[in-house]
Amino acid sequence: MTTGSHETSGALPERRRLLSQVLVHEMWASLAIAVMWLAVLFDALFGPDLVVSNASGTTTVPSAIIVGFFAYLATRVVARYGFGRAADAD
């Protein structure tokens, strides 16, 4: 009696694996950016104001402006890292 070897179901083709990796990076980058801006939205709705008092009076600045500035900077970094891989793969 002879035994035959079963063919293994090999790995995904290189192009398909690359496409799935790109989509995963893009999904996580999009999710991270969305969560950052949702944090800015909720800070704008429910967050306190920053009050600065000095000799000439008081100044009130919504805290969402400062949080939004840092969310903008973080969005640029996450977008460059998360969406920049597709250009590197070509």
N, C-alpha and C. Protein backbone atom coordinates (compact mmCIF):
# COMPACT_ATOMS: atom_id res chain seq x y z
N MET A 1 0.84 -1.15 0.00
CA MET A 1 0.00 0.00 0.00
C MET A 1 0.89 1.23 0.00
N THR A 2 0.54 2.19 -0.82
CA THR A 2 1.32 3.42 -0.90
C THR A 2 0.55 4.55 -0.24
N THR A 3 1.29 5.48 0.24
CA THR A 3 0.65 6.65 0.83
C THR A 3 1.01 7.87 0.01
N GLY A 4 0.04 8.69 -0.22
CA GLY A 4 0.29 9.93 -0.95
C GLY A 4 0.33 11.11 0.01
N SER A 5 1.18 12.03 -0.30
CA SER A 5 1.26 13.21 0.57
C SER A 5 0.18 14.21 0.16
N HIS A 6 -0.38 14.82 1.14
CA HIS A 6 -1.39 15.84 0.90
C HIS A 6 -0.70 17.16 0.59
N GLU A 7 -1.27 17.89 -0.33
CA GLU A 7 -0.71 19.20 -0.62
C GLU A 7 -1.11 20.16 0.49
N THR A 8 -0.15 20.93 0.90
CA THR A 8 -0.47 21.92 1.92
C THR A 8 -1.17 23.10 1.27
N SER A 9 -1.95 23.76 2.03
CA SER A 9 -2.70 24.90 1.49
C SER A 9 -1.85 26.15 1.53
N GLY A 10 -0.69 26.17 1.07
CA GLY A 10 0.28 27.26 1.03
C GLY A 10 -0.20 28.61 1.55
N ALA A 11 0.68 29.46 1.74
CA ALA A 11 0.37 30.79 2.24
C ALA A 11 -0.35 31.60 1.17
N LEU A 12 -0.89 32.70 1.59
CA LEU A 12 -1.54 33.60 0.64
C LEU A 12 -0.53 34.10 -0.39
N PRO A 13 -0.97 34.35 -1.58
CA PRO A 13 -0.04 34.94 -2.56
C PRO A 13 0.50 36.28 -2.03
N GLU A 14 1.67 36.62 -2.51
CA GLU A 14 2.35 37.82 -2.00
C GLU A 14 1.50 39.07 -2.15
N ARG A 15 0.86 39.24 -3.28
CA ARG A 15 0.06 40.44 -3.52
C ARG A 15 -1.15 40.49 -2.58
N ARG A 16 -1.79 39.36 -2.36
CA ARG A 16 -2.95 39.33 -1.50
C ARG A 16 -2.56 39.60 -0.05
N ARG A 17 -1.44 39.05 0.39
CA ARG A 17 -0.98 39.28 1.75
C ARG A 17 -0.63 40.75 1.94
N LEU A 18 0.01 41.34 0.94
CA LEU A 18 0.37 42.75 1.02
C LEU A 18 -0.87 43.62 1.08
N LEU A 19 -1.87 43.28 0.28
CA LEU A 19 -3.12 44.04 0.28
C LEU A 19 -3.80 43.95 1.63
N SER A 20 -3.82 42.78 2.24
CA SER A 20 -4.46 42.64 3.55
C SER A 20 -3.70 43.42 4.62
N GLN A 21 -2.37 43.46 4.54
CA GLN A 21 -1.60 44.23 5.51
C GLN A 21 -1.86 45.71 5.36
N VAL A 22 -1.95 46.18 4.11
CA VAL A 22 -2.21 47.60 3.88
C VAL A 22 -3.58 47.96 4.42
N LEU A 23 -4.58 47.13 4.17
CA LEU A 23 -5.92 47.43 4.65
C LEU A 23 -5.99 47.42 6.17
N VAL A 24 -5.24 46.55 6.80
CA VAL A 24 -5.23 46.53 8.26
C VAL A 24 -4.60 47.80 8.81
N HIS A 25 -3.49 48.24 8.25
CA HIS A 25 -2.85 49.48 8.71
C HIS A 25 -3.77 50.67 8.48
N GLU A 26 -4.43 50.71 7.34
CA GLU A 26 -5.33 51.82 7.06
C GLU A 26 -6.52 51.82 8.01
N MET A 27 -7.03 50.63 8.34
CA MET A 27 -8.17 50.56 9.25
C MET A 27 -7.79 51.09 10.63
N TRP A 28 -6.65 50.65 11.17
CA TRP A 28 -6.24 51.10 12.50
C TRP A 28 -5.90 52.59 12.50
N ALA A 29 -5.30 53.07 11.44
CA ALA A 29 -5.00 54.50 11.36
C ALA A 29 -6.29 55.31 11.32
N SER A 30 -7.25 54.87 10.55
CA SER A 30 -8.54 55.57 10.47
C SER A 30 -9.25 55.55 11.81
N LEU A 31 -9.22 54.42 12.47
CA LEU A 31 -9.86 54.31 13.78
C LEU A 31 -9.19 55.23 14.80
N ALA A 32 -7.87 55.28 14.79
CA ALA A 32 -7.15 56.14 15.73
C ALA A 32 -7.47 57.61 15.49
N ILE A 33 -7.52 58.01 14.23
CA ILE A 33 -7.83 59.41 13.91
C ILE A 33 -9.26 59.75 14.31
N ALA A 34 -10.18 58.84 14.06
CA ALA A 34 -11.58 59.08 14.43
C ALA A 34 -11.73 59.23 15.94
N VAL A 35 -11.04 58.39 16.70
CA VAL A 35 -11.13 58.47 18.16
C VAL A 35 -10.52 59.77 18.67
N MET A 36 -9.42 60.21 18.07
CA MET A 36 -8.82 61.48 18.50
C MET A 36 -9.80 62.63 18.32
N TRP A 37 -10.46 62.68 17.17
CA TRP A 37 -11.37 63.79 16.91
C TRP A 37 -12.67 63.65 17.68
N LEU A 38 -13.07 62.43 18.02
CA LEU A 38 -14.21 62.28 18.93
C LEU A 38 -13.86 62.81 20.32
N ALA A 39 -12.62 62.62 20.74
CA ALA A 39 -12.19 63.18 22.03
C ALA A 39 -12.25 64.70 21.99
N VAL A 40 -11.89 65.30 20.87
CA VAL A 40 -11.99 66.76 20.74
C VAL A 40 -13.46 67.18 20.80
N LEU A 41 -14.32 66.45 20.12
CA LEU A 41 -15.75 66.77 20.14
C LEU A 41 -16.31 66.72 21.55
N PHE A 42 -16.03 65.64 22.27
CA PHE A 42 -16.57 65.52 23.62
C PHE A 42 -15.95 66.53 24.57
N ASP A 43 -14.70 66.89 24.34
CA ASP A 43 -14.10 67.95 25.15
C ASP A 43 -14.75 69.29 24.86
N ALA A 44 -15.11 69.52 23.60
CA ALA A 44 -15.78 70.78 23.26
C ALA A 44 -17.17 70.84 23.89
N LEU A 45 -17.85 69.70 23.95
CA LEU A 45 -19.20 69.69 24.51
C LEU A 45 -19.21 69.71 26.03
N PHE A 46 -18.35 68.94 26.66
CA PHE A 46 -18.43 68.75 28.10
C PHE A 46 -17.20 69.23 28.86
N GLY A 47 -16.15 69.64 28.17
CA GLY A 47 -14.91 70.01 28.84
C GLY A 47 -14.96 71.41 29.44
N PRO A 48 -14.08 71.65 30.39
CA PRO A 48 -14.04 72.97 31.03
C PRO A 48 -13.29 73.98 30.16
N ASP A 49 -13.42 75.23 30.52
CA ASP A 49 -12.66 76.29 29.87
C ASP A 49 -11.39 76.54 30.67
N LEU A 50 -10.35 76.98 29.98
CA LEU A 50 -9.12 77.37 30.65
C LEU A 50 -9.23 78.86 30.98
N VAL A 51 -9.08 79.20 32.23
CA VAL A 51 -9.19 80.58 32.68
C VAL A 51 -7.82 81.05 33.12
N VAL A 52 -7.35 82.12 32.48
CA VAL A 52 -6.06 82.70 32.82
C VAL A 52 -6.31 84.06 33.44
N SER A 53 -5.83 84.23 34.65
CA SER A 53 -6.01 85.51 35.35
C SER A 53 -4.66 86.21 35.45
N ASN A 54 -4.66 87.49 35.11
CA ASN A 54 -3.46 88.31 35.29
C ASN A 54 -3.89 89.71 35.70
N ALA A 55 -2.97 90.63 35.73
CA ALA A 55 -3.26 91.97 36.23
C ALA A 55 -4.28 92.71 35.36
N SER A 56 -4.32 92.40 34.07
CA SER A 56 -5.23 93.13 33.19
C SER A 56 -6.62 92.49 33.12
N GLY A 57 -6.84 91.39 33.79
CA GLY A 57 -8.15 90.76 33.79
C GLY A 57 -8.04 89.26 33.59
N THR A 58 -9.12 88.67 33.17
CA THR A 58 -9.14 87.23 32.96
C THR A 58 -9.40 86.94 31.48
N THR A 59 -8.84 85.85 31.03
CA THR A 59 -9.04 85.38 29.67
C THR A 59 -9.56 83.96 29.74
N THR A 60 -10.61 83.68 29.00
CA THR A 60 -11.20 82.35 28.98
C THR A 60 -11.00 81.75 27.59
N VAL A 61 -10.41 80.56 27.56
CA VAL A 61 -10.15 79.85 26.31
C VAL A 61 -10.77 78.47 26.42
N PRO A 62 -11.59 78.07 25.46
CA PRO A 62 -12.14 76.70 25.52
C PRO A 62 -11.00 75.68 25.42
N SER A 63 -11.07 74.65 26.25
CA SER A 63 -9.99 73.66 26.26
C SER A 63 -9.97 72.84 24.97
N ALA A 64 -11.06 72.82 24.22
CA ALA A 64 -11.10 72.07 22.97
C ALA A 64 -10.14 72.65 21.93
N ILE A 65 -9.82 73.92 22.03
CA ILE A 65 -8.86 74.51 21.09
C ILE A 65 -7.48 73.90 21.29
N ILE A 66 -7.08 73.73 22.52
CA ILE A 66 -5.76 73.17 22.81
C ILE A 66 -5.75 71.67 22.49
N VAL A 67 -6.82 70.97 22.87
CA VAL A 67 -6.91 69.54 22.57
C VAL A 67 -6.96 69.33 21.06
N GLY A 68 -7.66 70.21 20.36
CA GLY A 68 -7.74 70.12 18.90
C GLY A 68 -6.40 70.34 18.23
N PHE A 69 -5.60 71.24 18.77
CA PHE A 69 -4.27 71.48 18.21
C PHE A 69 -3.41 70.21 18.30
N PHE A 70 -3.44 69.57 19.48
CA PHE A 70 -2.65 68.35 19.63
C PHE A 70 -3.24 67.19 18.83
N ALA A 71 -4.56 67.17 18.67
CA ALA A 71 -5.18 66.14 17.82
C ALA A 71 -4.78 66.34 16.37
N TYR A 72 -4.65 67.58 15.95
CA TYR A 72 -4.19 67.87 14.58
C TYR A 72 -2.77 67.35 14.37
N LEU A 73 -1.89 67.64 15.32
CA LEU A 73 -0.51 67.15 15.20
C LEU A 73 -0.46 65.62 15.20
N ALA A 74 -1.25 65.00 16.07
CA ALA A 74 -1.27 63.54 16.13
C ALA A 74 -1.89 62.95 14.87
N THR A 75 -2.87 63.62 14.30
CA THR A 75 -3.48 63.14 13.06
C THR A 75 -2.47 63.10 11.94
N ARG A 76 -1.64 64.11 11.86
CA ARG A 76 -0.62 64.14 10.81
C ARG A 76 0.37 62.97 10.97
N VAL A 77 0.77 62.70 12.21
CA VAL A 77 1.73 61.62 12.45
C VAL A 77 1.09 60.27 12.15
N VAL A 78 -0.12 60.05 12.64
CA VAL A 78 -0.79 58.76 12.43
C VAL A 78 -1.09 58.56 10.95
N ALA A 79 -1.51 59.59 10.25
CA ALA A 79 -1.81 59.47 8.83
C ALA A 79 -0.55 59.17 8.03
N ARG A 80 0.55 59.81 8.37
CA ARG A 80 1.80 59.55 7.64
C ARG A 80 2.26 58.12 7.88
N TYR A 81 2.14 57.64 9.11
CA TYR A 81 2.57 56.29 9.41
C TYR A 81 1.58 55.25 8.87
N GLY A 82 0.29 55.48 9.07
CA GLY A 82 -0.71 54.49 8.70
C GLY A 82 -1.01 54.43 7.23
N PHE A 83 -1.02 55.56 6.55
CA PHE A 83 -1.36 55.58 5.13
C PHE A 83 -0.14 55.68 4.23
N GLY A 84 1.03 55.92 4.78
CA GLY A 84 2.24 56.06 3.98
C GLY A 84 2.84 54.74 3.55
N ARG A 85 2.41 53.63 4.09
CA ARG A 85 2.97 52.32 3.76
C ARG A 85 2.59 51.88 2.37
N ALA A 86 1.45 52.30 1.84
CA ALA A 86 1.04 51.89 0.50
C ALA A 86 2.01 52.42 -0.55
N ALA A 87 2.49 53.63 -0.36
CA ALA A 87 3.45 54.22 -1.31
C ALA A 87 4.80 53.49 -1.23
N ASP A 88 5.17 53.04 -0.02
CA ASP A 88 6.43 52.31 0.13
C ASP A 88 6.38 50.94 -0.53
N ALA A 89 5.21 50.33 -0.59
CA ALA A 89 5.08 48.98 -1.14
C ALA A 89 5.20 48.97 -2.66
N ASP A 90 4.83 50.08 -3.31
CA ASP A 90 4.89 50.14 -4.77
C ASP A 90 6.30 50.29 -5.20
